[in-house]
N, C-alpha and C. Protein backbone atom coordinates (compact mmCIF):
# COMPACT_ATOMS: atom_id res chain seq x y z
N MET A 1 0.85 -1.18 0.00
CA MET A 1 0.00 0.00 0.00
C MET A 1 0.90 1.24 0.00
N SER A 2 0.68 2.13 -0.95
CA SER A 2 1.51 3.32 -1.02
C SER A 2 0.89 4.43 -0.19
N LYS A 3 1.78 5.20 0.40
CA LYS A 3 1.33 6.32 1.23
C LYS A 3 1.11 7.52 0.31
N SER A 4 -0.09 8.10 0.32
CA SER A 4 -0.36 9.23 -0.57
C SER A 4 0.29 10.49 -0.01
N LYS A 5 0.79 11.28 -0.93
CA LYS A 5 1.43 12.53 -0.54
C LYS A 5 0.37 13.57 -0.19
N ALA A 6 0.70 14.43 0.74
CA ALA A 6 -0.21 15.52 1.12
C ALA A 6 -0.41 16.43 -0.09
N LYS A 7 -1.62 16.88 -0.27
CA LYS A 7 -1.94 17.78 -1.38
C LYS A 7 -1.47 19.19 -1.04
N LYS A 8 -1.09 19.88 -2.09
CA LYS A 8 -0.71 21.29 -1.91
C LYS A 8 -1.46 22.14 -2.93
N ARG A 9 -1.45 23.42 -2.73
CA ARG A 9 -2.18 24.32 -3.63
C ARG A 9 -1.72 24.09 -5.07
N GLY A 10 -2.69 24.04 -5.96
CA GLY A 10 -2.40 23.85 -7.38
C GLY A 10 -2.42 22.40 -7.82
N ASP A 11 -2.43 21.44 -6.87
CA ASP A 11 -2.51 20.02 -7.24
C ASP A 11 -3.87 19.70 -7.83
N VAL A 12 -3.92 18.67 -8.63
CA VAL A 12 -5.16 18.19 -9.23
C VAL A 12 -5.67 17.03 -8.38
N ILE A 13 -6.98 17.01 -8.13
CA ILE A 13 -7.59 15.92 -7.38
C ILE A 13 -8.56 15.21 -8.32
N GLY A 14 -8.59 13.90 -8.24
CA GLY A 14 -9.54 13.11 -9.01
C GLY A 14 -10.22 12.12 -8.09
N PHE A 15 -11.49 11.86 -8.35
CA PHE A 15 -12.19 10.87 -7.53
C PHE A 15 -13.22 10.16 -8.39
N ARG A 16 -13.56 8.95 -7.97
CA ARG A 16 -14.49 8.11 -8.70
C ARG A 16 -15.93 8.43 -8.25
N ILE A 17 -16.83 8.50 -9.20
CA ILE A 17 -18.25 8.70 -8.90
C ILE A 17 -18.80 7.37 -8.38
N PRO A 18 -19.44 7.38 -7.21
CA PRO A 18 -19.95 6.13 -6.65
C PRO A 18 -21.04 5.50 -7.52
N LEU A 19 -21.10 4.18 -7.51
CA LEU A 19 -22.13 3.46 -8.27
C LEU A 19 -23.52 3.68 -7.68
N SER A 20 -23.58 4.02 -6.40
CA SER A 20 -24.86 4.17 -5.71
C SER A 20 -25.50 5.55 -5.92
N ILE A 21 -24.89 6.38 -6.72
CA ILE A 21 -25.42 7.75 -6.92
C ILE A 21 -26.75 7.69 -7.68
N SER A 22 -27.66 8.59 -7.31
CA SER A 22 -28.97 8.61 -7.98
C SER A 22 -28.85 9.27 -9.36
N ASP A 23 -29.87 9.07 -10.18
CA ASP A 23 -29.89 9.69 -11.51
C ASP A 23 -29.90 11.21 -11.41
N GLU A 24 -30.66 11.73 -10.42
CA GLU A 24 -30.72 13.19 -10.22
C GLU A 24 -29.36 13.75 -9.84
N GLU A 25 -28.68 13.05 -8.93
CA GLU A 25 -27.36 13.51 -8.50
C GLU A 25 -26.37 13.46 -9.66
N LEU A 26 -26.43 12.40 -10.46
CA LEU A 26 -25.54 12.28 -11.62
C LEU A 26 -25.83 13.39 -12.64
N ALA A 27 -27.10 13.69 -12.86
CA ALA A 27 -27.46 14.78 -13.77
C ALA A 27 -26.91 16.11 -13.26
N MET A 28 -26.97 16.33 -11.95
CA MET A 28 -26.45 17.57 -11.37
C MET A 28 -24.93 17.63 -11.56
N ILE A 29 -24.24 16.51 -11.32
CA ILE A 29 -22.79 16.48 -11.53
C ILE A 29 -22.45 16.82 -12.97
N ASN A 30 -23.18 16.22 -13.91
CA ASN A 30 -22.93 16.50 -15.33
C ASN A 30 -23.19 17.97 -15.67
N GLN A 31 -24.25 18.53 -15.10
CA GLN A 31 -24.56 19.94 -15.34
C GLN A 31 -23.46 20.84 -14.77
N LEU A 32 -23.03 20.56 -13.54
CA LEU A 32 -21.97 21.37 -12.93
C LEU A 32 -20.66 21.20 -13.68
N HIS A 33 -20.37 19.97 -14.11
CA HIS A 33 -19.12 19.70 -14.82
C HIS A 33 -19.08 20.44 -16.16
N SER A 34 -20.20 20.46 -16.86
CA SER A 34 -20.23 21.13 -18.16
C SER A 34 -20.12 22.65 -18.00
N SER A 35 -20.53 23.17 -16.86
CA SER A 35 -20.43 24.62 -16.65
C SER A 35 -19.16 24.99 -15.88
N LYS A 36 -18.28 24.00 -15.69
CA LYS A 36 -17.00 24.20 -15.00
C LYS A 36 -17.19 24.67 -13.56
N GLN A 37 -18.30 24.27 -12.93
CA GLN A 37 -18.60 24.69 -11.56
C GLN A 37 -18.33 23.60 -10.52
N THR A 38 -17.93 22.40 -10.95
CA THR A 38 -17.74 21.29 -10.03
C THR A 38 -16.72 21.63 -8.94
N GLY A 39 -15.58 22.17 -9.35
CA GLY A 39 -14.53 22.53 -8.39
C GLY A 39 -14.99 23.61 -7.42
N VAL A 40 -15.72 24.61 -7.93
CA VAL A 40 -16.20 25.69 -7.09
C VAL A 40 -17.13 25.14 -6.00
N ILE A 41 -18.07 24.29 -6.41
CA ILE A 41 -19.02 23.70 -5.46
C ILE A 41 -18.28 22.82 -4.46
N PHE A 42 -17.33 22.02 -4.94
CA PHE A 42 -16.56 21.13 -4.07
C PHE A 42 -15.83 21.94 -2.99
N PHE A 43 -15.15 23.00 -3.40
CA PHE A 43 -14.37 23.77 -2.43
C PHE A 43 -15.25 24.65 -1.54
N ASP A 44 -16.42 25.05 -2.03
CA ASP A 44 -17.38 25.74 -1.15
C ASP A 44 -17.83 24.80 -0.04
N LYS A 45 -18.06 23.55 -0.38
CA LYS A 45 -18.46 22.55 0.63
C LYS A 45 -17.33 22.32 1.63
N ILE A 46 -16.09 22.27 1.17
CA ILE A 46 -14.94 22.13 2.07
C ILE A 46 -14.89 23.31 3.04
N LYS A 47 -15.10 24.52 2.53
CA LYS A 47 -15.12 25.72 3.41
C LYS A 47 -16.23 25.59 4.44
N ASP A 48 -17.40 25.14 4.00
CA ASP A 48 -18.53 24.96 4.94
C ASP A 48 -18.17 23.97 6.04
N LEU A 49 -17.51 22.86 5.67
CA LEU A 49 -17.12 21.86 6.66
C LEU A 49 -16.10 22.42 7.66
N VAL A 50 -15.16 23.21 7.16
CA VAL A 50 -14.16 23.83 8.03
C VAL A 50 -14.84 24.83 8.97
N ASN A 51 -15.76 25.62 8.44
CA ASN A 51 -16.44 26.64 9.24
C ASN A 51 -17.52 26.08 10.15
N ALA A 52 -17.93 24.84 9.93
CA ALA A 52 -19.01 24.24 10.71
C ALA A 52 -18.64 24.13 12.19
N ARG A 53 -17.37 24.10 12.49
CA ARG A 53 -16.95 24.01 13.89
C ARG A 53 -17.39 25.22 14.69
N ASN A 54 -17.60 26.34 14.04
CA ASN A 54 -17.99 27.57 14.72
C ASN A 54 -19.43 27.96 14.44
N ARG A 55 -20.24 26.99 14.05
CA ARG A 55 -21.64 27.27 13.74
C ARG A 55 -22.55 26.41 14.60
N LEU A 56 -23.74 26.94 14.82
CA LEU A 56 -24.75 26.23 15.58
C LEU A 56 -26.05 26.32 14.81
N THR A 57 -26.70 25.20 14.61
CA THR A 57 -27.98 25.17 13.91
C THR A 57 -29.04 24.75 14.91
N LEU A 58 -30.08 25.56 15.01
CA LEU A 58 -31.17 25.27 15.94
C LEU A 58 -32.48 25.16 15.19
N PRO A 59 -33.28 24.15 15.51
CA PRO A 59 -34.60 24.05 14.88
C PRO A 59 -35.55 25.09 15.47
N LEU A 60 -36.40 25.62 14.64
CA LEU A 60 -37.41 26.59 15.09
C LEU A 60 -38.77 25.92 15.10
N ASP A 61 -39.60 26.34 16.03
CA ASP A 61 -40.94 25.75 16.14
C ASP A 61 -41.87 26.19 15.01
N SER A 62 -41.58 27.34 14.43
CA SER A 62 -42.42 27.82 13.34
C SER A 62 -41.54 28.58 12.34
N PRO A 63 -41.99 28.68 11.09
CA PRO A 63 -41.19 29.38 10.09
C PRO A 63 -41.07 30.87 10.41
N LEU A 64 -39.98 31.47 9.96
CA LEU A 64 -39.78 32.91 10.17
C LEU A 64 -40.46 33.69 9.04
N SER A 65 -40.93 34.87 9.39
CA SER A 65 -41.47 35.77 8.37
C SER A 65 -40.27 36.37 7.61
N PRO A 66 -40.52 36.94 6.43
CA PRO A 66 -39.41 37.58 5.70
C PRO A 66 -38.73 38.69 6.53
N GLN A 67 -39.52 39.43 7.32
CA GLN A 67 -38.95 40.47 8.17
C GLN A 67 -38.05 39.87 9.25
N GLU A 68 -38.49 38.75 9.83
CA GLU A 68 -37.68 38.08 10.85
C GLU A 68 -36.40 37.52 10.25
N GLU A 69 -36.50 36.96 9.04
CA GLU A 69 -35.30 36.46 8.36
C GLU A 69 -34.32 37.58 8.10
N GLU A 70 -34.84 38.74 7.71
CA GLU A 70 -33.99 39.90 7.45
C GLU A 70 -33.26 40.32 8.73
N LYS A 71 -34.00 40.36 9.85
CA LYS A 71 -33.37 40.71 11.13
C LYS A 71 -32.31 39.69 11.51
N LEU A 72 -32.61 38.41 11.29
CA LEU A 72 -31.68 37.35 11.65
C LEU A 72 -30.41 37.38 10.79
N ASN A 73 -30.51 37.90 9.59
CA ASN A 73 -29.35 38.01 8.72
C ASN A 73 -28.47 39.21 9.04
N ASN A 74 -28.91 40.06 9.97
CA ASN A 74 -28.13 41.22 10.40
C ASN A 74 -26.93 40.73 11.21
N PRO A 75 -25.70 41.08 10.82
CA PRO A 75 -24.51 40.61 11.54
C PRO A 75 -24.50 41.00 13.02
N ILE A 76 -25.07 42.13 13.36
CA ILE A 76 -25.11 42.55 14.78
C ILE A 76 -26.02 41.62 15.57
N VAL A 77 -27.18 41.29 15.00
CA VAL A 77 -28.11 40.38 15.67
C VAL A 77 -27.48 38.99 15.78
N GLN A 78 -26.81 38.53 14.73
CA GLN A 78 -26.15 37.23 14.78
C GLN A 78 -25.08 37.19 15.87
N LYS A 79 -24.30 38.26 15.99
CA LYS A 79 -23.26 38.33 17.02
C LYS A 79 -23.89 38.31 18.42
N MET A 80 -24.98 39.05 18.60
CA MET A 80 -25.66 39.08 19.89
C MET A 80 -26.20 37.69 20.25
N LEU A 81 -26.86 37.03 19.30
CA LEU A 81 -27.40 35.69 19.56
C LEU A 81 -26.27 34.69 19.85
N ALA A 82 -25.16 34.82 19.13
CA ALA A 82 -24.01 33.94 19.38
C ALA A 82 -23.49 34.14 20.80
N ASN A 83 -23.38 35.40 21.23
CA ASN A 83 -22.91 35.68 22.60
C ASN A 83 -23.87 35.12 23.65
N ILE A 84 -25.15 35.24 23.39
CA ILE A 84 -26.15 34.70 24.34
C ILE A 84 -26.04 33.18 24.40
N CYS A 85 -25.92 32.53 23.24
CA CYS A 85 -25.79 31.06 23.22
C CYS A 85 -24.55 30.60 23.96
N ILE A 86 -23.43 31.27 23.73
CA ILE A 86 -22.19 30.90 24.42
C ILE A 86 -22.35 31.08 25.92
N ALA A 87 -22.95 32.19 26.33
CA ALA A 87 -23.15 32.44 27.76
C ALA A 87 -24.06 31.39 28.38
N LEU A 88 -25.11 30.99 27.66
CA LEU A 88 -26.00 29.94 28.16
C LEU A 88 -25.27 28.61 28.30
N LEU A 89 -24.48 28.26 27.29
CA LEU A 89 -23.74 27.00 27.32
C LEU A 89 -22.68 26.98 28.42
N ARG A 90 -22.12 28.14 28.69
CA ARG A 90 -21.09 28.22 29.74
C ARG A 90 -21.70 28.52 31.11
N GLU A 91 -23.01 28.55 31.14
CA GLU A 91 -23.77 28.82 32.37
C GLU A 91 -23.37 30.14 33.02
N GLU A 92 -23.16 31.16 32.17
CA GLU A 92 -22.82 32.49 32.64
C GLU A 92 -24.05 33.38 32.78
N VAL A 93 -25.21 32.84 32.46
CA VAL A 93 -26.46 33.60 32.52
C VAL A 93 -27.11 33.32 33.87
N PRO A 94 -27.61 34.36 34.53
CA PRO A 94 -28.30 34.12 35.80
C PRO A 94 -29.47 33.18 35.60
N SER A 95 -29.66 32.28 36.54
CA SER A 95 -30.78 31.34 36.41
C SER A 95 -32.08 32.04 36.74
N ILE A 96 -33.06 31.77 35.94
CA ILE A 96 -34.39 32.35 36.14
C ILE A 96 -35.38 31.21 36.09
N SER A 97 -36.18 31.10 37.10
CA SER A 97 -37.17 30.04 37.14
C SER A 97 -38.30 30.39 36.18
N MET A 98 -38.48 29.56 35.17
CA MET A 98 -39.55 29.81 34.21
C MET A 98 -40.74 28.90 34.48
N GLY A 99 -40.64 28.06 35.50
CA GLY A 99 -41.73 27.14 35.82
C GLY A 99 -42.77 27.83 36.67
N THR A 100 -43.75 27.08 37.07
CA THR A 100 -44.80 27.60 37.93
C THR A 100 -44.30 27.56 39.37
N PRO A 101 -44.26 28.70 40.06
CA PRO A 101 -43.77 28.71 41.44
C PRO A 101 -44.71 27.95 42.36
N GLN A 102 -44.14 27.44 43.44
CA GLN A 102 -44.94 26.73 44.41
C GLN A 102 -45.01 27.55 45.69
N VAL A 103 -46.19 27.55 46.30
CA VAL A 103 -46.42 28.27 47.55
C VAL A 103 -46.75 27.23 48.61
N LEU A 104 -46.12 27.35 49.76
CA LEU A 104 -46.40 26.41 50.84
C LEU A 104 -47.61 26.88 51.63
N THR A 105 -48.48 25.96 51.93
CA THR A 105 -49.65 26.27 52.76
C THR A 105 -49.29 25.99 54.21
N SER A 106 -50.22 26.23 55.09
CA SER A 106 -49.97 25.99 56.50
C SER A 106 -49.68 24.52 56.78
N SER A 107 -50.15 23.65 55.89
CA SER A 107 -49.90 22.22 56.07
C SER A 107 -48.60 21.79 55.37
N ASP A 108 -47.82 22.77 54.92
CA ASP A 108 -46.55 22.52 54.23
C ASP A 108 -46.71 21.70 52.95
N GLN A 109 -47.88 21.73 52.36
CA GLN A 109 -48.11 21.07 51.08
C GLN A 109 -48.01 22.12 49.98
N PRO A 110 -47.12 21.91 49.02
CA PRO A 110 -47.00 22.92 47.97
C PRO A 110 -48.23 22.96 47.08
N ILE A 111 -48.64 24.15 46.73
CA ILE A 111 -49.70 24.33 45.75
C ILE A 111 -49.14 25.24 44.66
N GLU A 112 -49.56 25.01 43.45
CA GLU A 112 -49.04 25.81 42.34
C GLU A 112 -49.80 27.12 42.25
N GLN A 113 -49.02 28.17 41.98
CA GLN A 113 -49.61 29.49 41.82
C GLN A 113 -49.20 30.00 40.45
N GLU A 114 -50.18 30.31 39.63
CA GLU A 114 -49.89 30.79 38.29
C GLU A 114 -49.36 32.21 38.34
N MET A 115 -48.36 32.47 37.51
CA MET A 115 -47.82 33.82 37.38
C MET A 115 -47.94 34.23 35.92
N SER A 116 -48.09 35.50 35.68
CA SER A 116 -48.15 35.99 34.32
C SER A 116 -46.74 35.97 33.74
N PHE A 117 -46.65 36.04 32.42
CA PHE A 117 -45.35 36.06 31.75
C PHE A 117 -44.51 37.22 32.26
N ASP A 118 -45.14 38.40 32.39
CA ASP A 118 -44.41 39.58 32.86
C ASP A 118 -43.87 39.39 34.27
N GLU A 119 -44.65 38.78 35.14
CA GLU A 119 -44.20 38.54 36.51
C GLU A 119 -42.99 37.62 36.53
N LYS A 120 -42.97 36.61 35.66
CA LYS A 120 -41.84 35.70 35.61
C LYS A 120 -40.56 36.45 35.24
N TRP A 121 -40.68 37.36 34.28
CA TRP A 121 -39.50 38.09 33.85
C TRP A 121 -39.14 39.19 34.83
N ASP A 122 -40.09 39.70 35.59
CA ASP A 122 -39.80 40.75 36.56
C ASP A 122 -39.10 40.21 37.79
N GLU A 123 -39.03 38.88 37.95
CA GLU A 123 -38.40 38.29 39.12
C GLU A 123 -36.95 38.73 39.28
N SER A 124 -36.28 38.99 38.17
CA SER A 124 -34.86 39.28 38.26
C SER A 124 -34.46 40.33 37.25
N ASP A 125 -33.68 41.29 37.73
CA ASP A 125 -33.11 42.28 36.82
C ASP A 125 -31.79 41.79 36.25
N GLU A 126 -31.35 40.61 36.70
CA GLU A 126 -30.07 40.07 36.24
C GLU A 126 -30.09 39.80 34.75
N LEU A 127 -31.21 39.35 34.21
CA LEU A 127 -31.29 39.08 32.78
C LEU A 127 -31.12 40.38 32.00
N ASP A 128 -31.78 41.43 32.45
CA ASP A 128 -31.63 42.73 31.79
C ASP A 128 -30.18 43.18 31.83
N ASP A 129 -29.54 43.01 32.98
CA ASP A 129 -28.13 43.39 33.11
C ASP A 129 -27.26 42.60 32.15
N PHE A 130 -27.55 41.30 32.05
CA PHE A 130 -26.77 40.45 31.16
C PHE A 130 -26.93 40.89 29.71
N LEU A 131 -28.18 41.11 29.28
CA LEU A 131 -28.42 41.52 27.91
C LEU A 131 -27.79 42.88 27.62
N GLU A 132 -27.87 43.79 28.57
CA GLU A 132 -27.27 45.11 28.40
C GLU A 132 -25.76 44.98 28.24
N GLN A 133 -25.14 44.13 29.05
CA GLN A 133 -23.70 43.91 28.96
C GLN A 133 -23.35 43.30 27.61
N SER A 134 -24.16 42.35 27.13
CA SER A 134 -23.90 41.72 25.83
C SER A 134 -23.98 42.74 24.71
N LEU A 135 -24.96 43.63 24.77
CA LEU A 135 -25.09 44.67 23.75
C LEU A 135 -23.93 45.66 23.82
N ASP A 136 -23.49 45.98 25.04
CA ASP A 136 -22.35 46.88 25.20
C ASP A 136 -21.11 46.30 24.57
N GLU A 137 -20.92 44.99 24.69
CA GLU A 137 -19.76 44.32 24.10
C GLU A 137 -19.79 44.38 22.58
N LEU A 138 -20.99 44.51 22.02
CA LEU A 138 -21.12 44.60 20.56
C LEU A 138 -20.90 46.03 20.05
N ASP A 139 -20.81 46.98 20.97
CA ASP A 139 -20.62 48.40 20.62
C ASP A 139 -21.71 48.93 19.71
N ILE A 140 -22.99 48.63 20.06
CA ILE A 140 -24.07 49.19 19.24
C ILE A 140 -24.86 50.19 20.06
């Protein structure tokens, strides 16, 4: 078995098309090859794989409106969301109870007490402080 040499810039790469490829995929390869785009697509995918280490994909419960997509494509908003995600993962965000609080009765049996959404968020100013600090770091 021969040891393959490391590739360097300007080298030519060749690879075999798998037998298991679908007709649609083969048609796409032929279309890209005839338009001389195969290499561009291949290296774009390599860049995506390299950059994937610094990306996070999250499923959304519902589709975004065009206005929401536009906001999400704003680099400042992306930076802010990235900072919030990192802070959450590193547990740097103050904990806020989002569940239903329990109140003890005279018999020491907990009963659930419903709180409004606003009351839940008013429990702590720490979240506001955190978000303000995150925005300050973005210099906006």
